[in-house]
Amino acid sequence: MRLALVIKTKKQDTYESYGSSNSNDYIQSDNNYHTDPNFEYEYRTGNSGNYEYNYDISGWDENGNSVYGNIDIQGKYGSGYILDEDGNEKYIDVEWVDYGVLEGTDEDGNSYEFEVDE
């Protein structure tokens, strides 16, 4: 029997082969790995009911200035870092407000609205 280790994320697939060229023979790299093709973001890690996600986000601040970044989110809330148009990095707390839409506040109290990048 030939096996391959599979690590899957929404952004990329990483395969480490252990003597296999048969793509149907896989072992999971993480015992909390979950696949649910009924949802847009089908690959998740964590325990049932406690999934953690990582998203690239883009949006604007309360003055209409463009920002982008990356967040980790669990349930309705998360946090991460964003960059403004001048390249300044800020820590941000976010929460879901609609499908694919988040609102956030940085460490200085500034408000933002984001969309998840696909």
Protein backbone atom coordinates (compact mmCIF):
# COMPACT_ATOMS: atom_id res chain seq x y z
CA MET A 1 0.00 0.00 0.00
CA ARG A 2 1.39 3.40 -0.97
CA LEU A 3 0.52 6.45 1.13
CA ALA A 4 0.75 10.22 0.79
CA LEU A 5 0.36 12.93 3.40
CA VAL A 6 -2.13 15.64 2.43
CA ILE A 7 -2.39 19.11 3.93
CA LYS A 8 -5.22 21.08 2.30
CA THR A 9 -6.21 24.70 2.69
CA LYS A 10 -8.53 26.86 0.63
CA LYS A 11 -5.52 28.66 -0.88
CA GLN A 12 -3.24 25.74 -1.70
CA ASP A 13 -2.79 21.99 -1.64
CA THR A 14 0.46 20.59 -0.26
CA TYR A 15 1.31 16.95 -0.81
CA GLU A 16 4.20 15.11 0.75
CA SER A 17 4.66 11.73 -0.83
CA TYR A 18 5.67 8.63 1.07
CA GLY A 19 6.28 6.33 -1.86
CA SER A 20 2.93 6.90 -3.53
CA SER A 21 1.91 8.19 -6.87
CA ASN A 22 -1.68 7.07 -6.37
CA SER A 23 -3.65 10.25 -5.52
CA ASN A 24 -6.45 8.16 -3.95
CA ASP A 25 -4.25 6.93 -1.07
CA TYR A 26 -4.06 9.69 1.55
CA ILE A 27 -3.60 9.98 5.27
CA GLN A 28 -4.63 13.12 7.06
CA SER A 29 -1.88 15.23 8.58
CA ASP A 30 -4.06 16.52 11.42
CA ASN A 31 -6.64 14.53 13.35
CA ASN A 32 -8.90 17.63 13.57
CA TYR A 33 -8.98 18.08 9.80
CA HIS A 34 -12.53 18.54 8.52
CA THR A 35 -13.88 18.67 4.99
CA ASP A 36 -17.39 19.86 4.20
CA PRO A 37 -17.93 20.53 0.47
CA ASN A 38 -21.38 22.03 1.19
CA PHE A 39 -19.72 25.29 2.27
CA GLU A 40 -17.57 27.80 0.37
CA TYR A 41 -14.71 27.40 2.86
CA GLU A 42 -14.74 23.63 3.05
CA TYR A 43 -11.34 23.02 4.67
CA ARG A 44 -11.11 23.73 8.39
CA THR A 45 -9.09 22.76 11.42
CA GLY A 46 -10.07 22.63 15.07
CA ASN A 47 -12.54 20.66 17.11
CA SER A 48 -16.18 20.35 16.13
CA GLY A 49 -17.95 23.63 16.87
CA ASN A 50 -14.61 25.33 17.44
CA TYR A 51 -13.25 25.80 13.92
CA GLU A 52 -10.60 28.40 13.19
CA TYR A 53 -10.32 30.12 9.83
CA ASN A 54 -7.72 32.36 8.22
CA TYR A 55 -8.74 34.96 5.64
CA ASP A 56 -7.16 37.63 3.51
CA ILE A 57 -9.34 40.71 3.79
CA SER A 58 -9.63 44.09 2.09
CA GLY A 59 -11.77 47.11 2.78
CA TRP A 60 -11.72 50.71 3.88
CA ASP A 61 -11.51 52.83 6.99
CA GLU A 62 -14.12 55.35 8.15
CA ASN A 63 -12.56 57.99 5.84
CA GLY A 64 -12.76 55.78 2.74
CA ASN A 65 -9.04 54.91 2.66
CA SER A 66 -8.16 51.45 1.36
CA VAL A 67 -6.74 48.81 3.72
CA TYR A 68 -5.93 45.11 3.44
CA GLY A 69 -4.62 42.37 5.69
CA ASN A 70 -4.95 38.91 7.14
CA ILE A 71 -7.04 37.67 10.07
CA ASP A 72 -7.70 34.54 12.08
CA ILE A 73 -11.31 34.07 13.12
CA GLN A 74 -13.19 31.62 15.32
CA GLY A 75 -16.96 31.75 15.43
CA LYS A 76 -18.11 35.36 15.05
CA TYR A 77 -14.92 37.11 16.25
CA GLY A 78 -11.28 37.29 15.24
CA SER A 79 -8.17 39.41 14.98
CA GLY A 80 -5.18 40.06 12.78
CA TYR A 81 -3.15 42.74 11.08
CA ILE A 82 -3.95 45.22 8.34
CA LEU A 83 -1.88 47.61 6.24
CA ASP A 84 -3.07 51.06 5.22
CA GLU A 85 -2.23 52.87 1.97
CA ASP A 86 0.99 54.21 3.55
CA GLY A 87 2.15 50.72 4.58
CA ASN A 88 1.44 51.24 8.30
CA GLU A 89 0.60 47.98 10.07
CA LYS A 90 -2.17 47.91 12.68
CA TYR A 91 -3.59 45.19 14.89
CA ILE A 92 -7.34 44.80 14.42
CA ASP A 93 -10.25 43.01 16.10
CA VAL A 94 -13.05 41.95 13.73
CA GLU A 95 -16.52 40.45 13.79
CA TRP A 96 -18.85 39.07 11.14
CA VAL A 97 -21.77 41.37 10.27
CA ASP A 98 -22.98 39.68 7.07
CA TYR A 99 -21.98 36.86 4.72
CA GLY A 100 -18.37 37.63 3.74
CA VAL A 101 -18.50 41.05 5.44
CA LEU A 102 -16.68 42.04 8.63
CA GLU A 103 -16.40 45.16 10.75
CA GLY A 104 -13.28 45.90 12.73
CA THR A 105 -11.63 48.27 15.15
CA ASP A 106 -7.88 48.88 15.40
CA GLU A 107 -5.83 49.56 18.53
CA ASP A 108 -6.43 53.31 18.10
CA GLY A 109 -10.23 52.94 17.99
CA ASN A 110 -10.56 53.52 14.22
CA SER A 111 -13.42 51.65 12.49
CA TYR A 112 -13.20 49.57 9.30
CA GLU A 113 -15.40 47.50 7.02
CA PHE A 114 -13.92 44.49 5.22
CA GLU A 115 -14.79 41.85 2.69
CA VAL A 116 -13.18 38.44 2.54
CA ASP A 117 -10.93 38.11 -0.52
CA GLU A 118 -11.58 35.07 -2.68
